[in-house]
Amino acid sequence: MLRGIIKTAAASEGKEVRDSKVSLLRCCYASDDGAEINSYIDNARFQRRLSEALQQRRQQSKDGYMLEEMPTHQDLSFDTMRKNLPIGSINRVIDRLLEEIDVLKPDQIAIQTQLGDFDQKTMLRQIELWGDKIIPAVQKSLGQSEA
């Protein structure tokens, strides 16, 4: 589905995908702690709701400062989000990223690991996991140097 959207966007600019730069912003989170994963998914869903409120519904805040978060018919279930996003164990995240790279062939990927109210210790652990394990494993699988 996403690959089709990329092809359509390139075609609308009169280009082929191979002649276009493709960058992805992905919500990703590595952990074996189910409660952490559920918290991350809940935060990702919240961010999606706010984005849709601003983009699609052009919803305005009631008090001029805060948008009201409301479930929509477009909300994805936790199971669907868990399936679609590179989240879960380190190996699951690596495998899912490699699948996406193989299918979408992006030039760049921006990883968003911090959504919501995770504490500093949790986020520092996340940065360490990405720097020490996930990124080097993805680069190695792609045959890239770890520079």
Protein backbone atom coordinates (compact mmCIF):
# COMPACT_ATOMS: atom_id res chain seq x y z
CA MET A 1 0.00 0.00 0.00
CA LEU A 2 2.70 2.52 0.98
CA ARG A 3 4.77 1.62 -2.08
CA GLY A 4 1.71 2.44 -4.21
CA ILE A 5 1.39 5.83 -2.54
CA ILE A 6 5.07 6.52 -3.27
CA LYS A 7 4.59 5.55 -6.94
CA THR A 8 1.53 7.79 -7.22
CA ALA A 9 3.35 10.73 -5.64
CA ALA A 10 6.31 10.31 -8.02
CA ALA A 11 3.98 10.03 -11.02
CA SER A 12 2.17 13.22 -9.98
CA GLU A 13 5.53 14.97 -10.31
CA GLY A 14 6.16 13.35 -13.70
CA LYS A 15 8.87 11.06 -12.31
CA GLU A 16 9.57 7.43 -11.74
CA VAL A 17 10.23 6.30 -8.17
CA ARG A 18 13.82 5.45 -9.08
CA ASP A 19 14.32 9.13 -10.06
CA SER A 20 12.86 10.42 -6.80
CA LYS A 21 14.23 10.78 -3.31
CA VAL A 22 12.15 8.85 -0.80
CA SER A 23 12.42 9.58 2.90
CA LEU A 24 10.44 7.88 5.63
CA LEU A 25 9.59 9.00 9.13
CA ARG A 26 8.92 5.85 11.15
CA CYS A 27 7.71 5.39 14.66
CA CYS A 28 9.95 2.65 16.04
CA TYR A 29 10.55 1.27 19.49
CA ALA A 30 12.61 -1.67 20.71
CA SER A 31 11.77 -3.37 23.98
CA ASP A 32 10.87 -6.75 25.43
CA ASP A 33 8.63 -5.02 27.99
CA GLY A 34 5.01 -5.41 26.86
CA ALA A 35 3.81 -2.50 29.01
CA GLU A 36 6.42 -0.19 27.42
CA ILE A 37 5.37 -1.31 23.94
CA ASN A 38 1.67 -0.72 24.74
CA SER A 39 2.49 2.73 26.12
CA TYR A 40 4.45 3.54 22.95
CA ILE A 41 1.58 2.35 20.73
CA ASP A 42 -0.91 4.41 22.73
CA ASN A 43 1.32 7.47 22.32
CA ALA A 44 1.69 6.79 18.58
CA ARG A 45 -2.08 6.54 18.21
CA PHE A 46 -2.47 9.83 20.12
CA GLN A 47 0.01 11.54 17.76
CA ARG A 48 -1.87 10.16 14.76
CA ARG A 49 -5.20 11.45 16.09
CA LEU A 50 -3.77 14.93 16.58
CA SER A 51 -2.20 14.93 13.13
CA GLU A 52 -5.46 13.86 11.52
CA ALA A 53 -7.40 16.46 13.52
CA LEU A 54 -5.14 19.19 12.16
CA GLN A 55 -4.76 17.92 8.59
CA GLN A 56 -7.98 16.20 7.59
CA ARG A 57 -10.69 17.60 9.81
CA ARG A 58 -9.07 21.02 10.24
CA GLN A 59 -10.32 20.76 13.80
CA GLN A 60 -9.82 23.80 15.98
CA SER A 61 -9.29 23.80 19.69
CA LYS A 62 -12.20 24.69 21.93
CA ASP A 63 -10.14 26.94 24.17
CA GLY A 64 -7.63 28.27 21.65
CA TYR A 65 -4.78 26.16 23.07
CA MET A 66 -5.57 22.46 23.26
CA LEU A 67 -7.01 20.03 20.73
CA GLU A 68 -9.42 17.50 22.09
CA GLU A 69 -8.23 13.96 21.37
CA MET A 70 -11.10 11.93 19.95
CA PRO A 71 -11.22 8.39 18.64
CA THR A 72 -12.08 8.21 14.95
CA HIS A 73 -13.20 5.54 12.54
CA GLN A 74 -9.65 5.65 11.14
CA ASP A 75 -8.05 4.56 14.43
CA LEU A 76 -5.95 1.45 14.10
CA SER A 77 -6.12 -1.28 16.71
CA PHE A 78 -3.08 -1.94 18.90
CA ASP A 79 -2.65 -5.28 17.09
CA THR A 80 -2.64 -3.60 13.68
CA MET A 81 -0.18 -0.96 14.83
CA ARG A 82 2.00 -3.62 16.42
CA LYS A 83 1.99 -5.51 13.10
CA ASN A 84 2.66 -2.44 10.92
CA LEU A 85 5.33 -0.64 12.92
CA PRO A 86 8.92 -1.64 13.67
CA ILE A 87 8.25 -2.16 17.38
CA GLY A 88 8.96 -5.03 19.73
CA SER A 89 12.09 -7.02 20.41
CA ILE A 90 15.39 -5.89 18.94
CA ASN A 91 15.29 -8.69 16.36
CA ARG A 92 11.69 -7.87 15.41
CA VAL A 93 12.59 -4.20 14.90
CA ILE A 94 15.62 -5.10 12.77
CA ASP A 95 13.63 -7.57 10.66
CA ARG A 96 10.76 -5.14 10.16
CA LEU A 97 13.10 -2.31 9.14
CA LEU A 98 14.85 -4.56 6.66
CA GLU A 99 11.47 -5.58 5.18
CA GLU A 100 10.46 -1.95 4.77
CA ILE A 101 13.78 -1.02 3.21
CA ASP A 102 13.47 -3.91 0.77
CA VAL A 103 9.94 -2.98 -0.29
CA LEU A 104 10.02 0.83 -0.12
CA LYS A 105 13.67 1.41 -1.04
CA PRO A 106 13.95 4.74 0.82
CA ASP A 107 16.94 7.00 0.50
CA GLN A 108 16.62 7.99 4.16
CA ILE A 109 14.75 6.85 7.23
CA ALA A 110 14.13 9.07 10.24
CA ILE A 111 13.37 7.08 13.37
CA GLN A 112 11.06 8.51 16.02
CA THR A 113 11.51 6.59 19.26
CA GLN A 114 10.23 9.20 21.67
CA LEU A 115 6.50 9.69 21.75
CA GLY A 116 4.66 10.69 24.85
CA ASP A 117 5.93 10.72 28.37
CA PHE A 118 8.76 8.20 28.58
CA ASP A 119 11.31 9.14 31.21
CA GLN A 120 14.89 10.10 30.45
CA LYS A 121 16.33 6.76 31.60
CA THR A 122 14.04 4.84 29.23
CA MET A 123 14.88 7.08 26.29
CA LEU A 124 18.63 6.93 26.94
CA ARG A 125 18.34 3.12 26.95
CA GLN A 126 16.48 3.36 23.63
CA ILE A 127 19.18 5.56 22.06
CA GLU A 128 21.83 3.11 23.25
CA LEU A 129 19.96 0.13 21.75
CA TRP A 130 19.70 1.89 18.39
CA GLY A 131 23.31 3.02 18.35
CA ASP A 132 24.87 -0.20 19.64
CA LYS A 133 22.67 -2.91 18.15
CA ILE A 134 19.88 -1.99 15.76
CA ILE A 135 21.57 0.45 13.36
CA PRO A 136 24.79 -1.62 13.06
CA ALA A 137 22.74 -4.79 12.40
CA VAL A 138 20.67 -3.08 9.70
CA GLN A 139 23.80 -1.62 8.10
CA LYS A 140 25.53 -4.99 8.18
CA SER A 141 22.54 -6.68 6.53
CA LEU A 142 22.53 -4.01 3.84
CA GLY A 143 26.27 -4.38 3.29
CA GLN A 144 27.01 -0.84 4.45
CA SER A 145 29.90 0.26 6.58
CA GLU A 146 29.21 1.18 10.16
CA ALA A 147 30.73 4.64 9.73
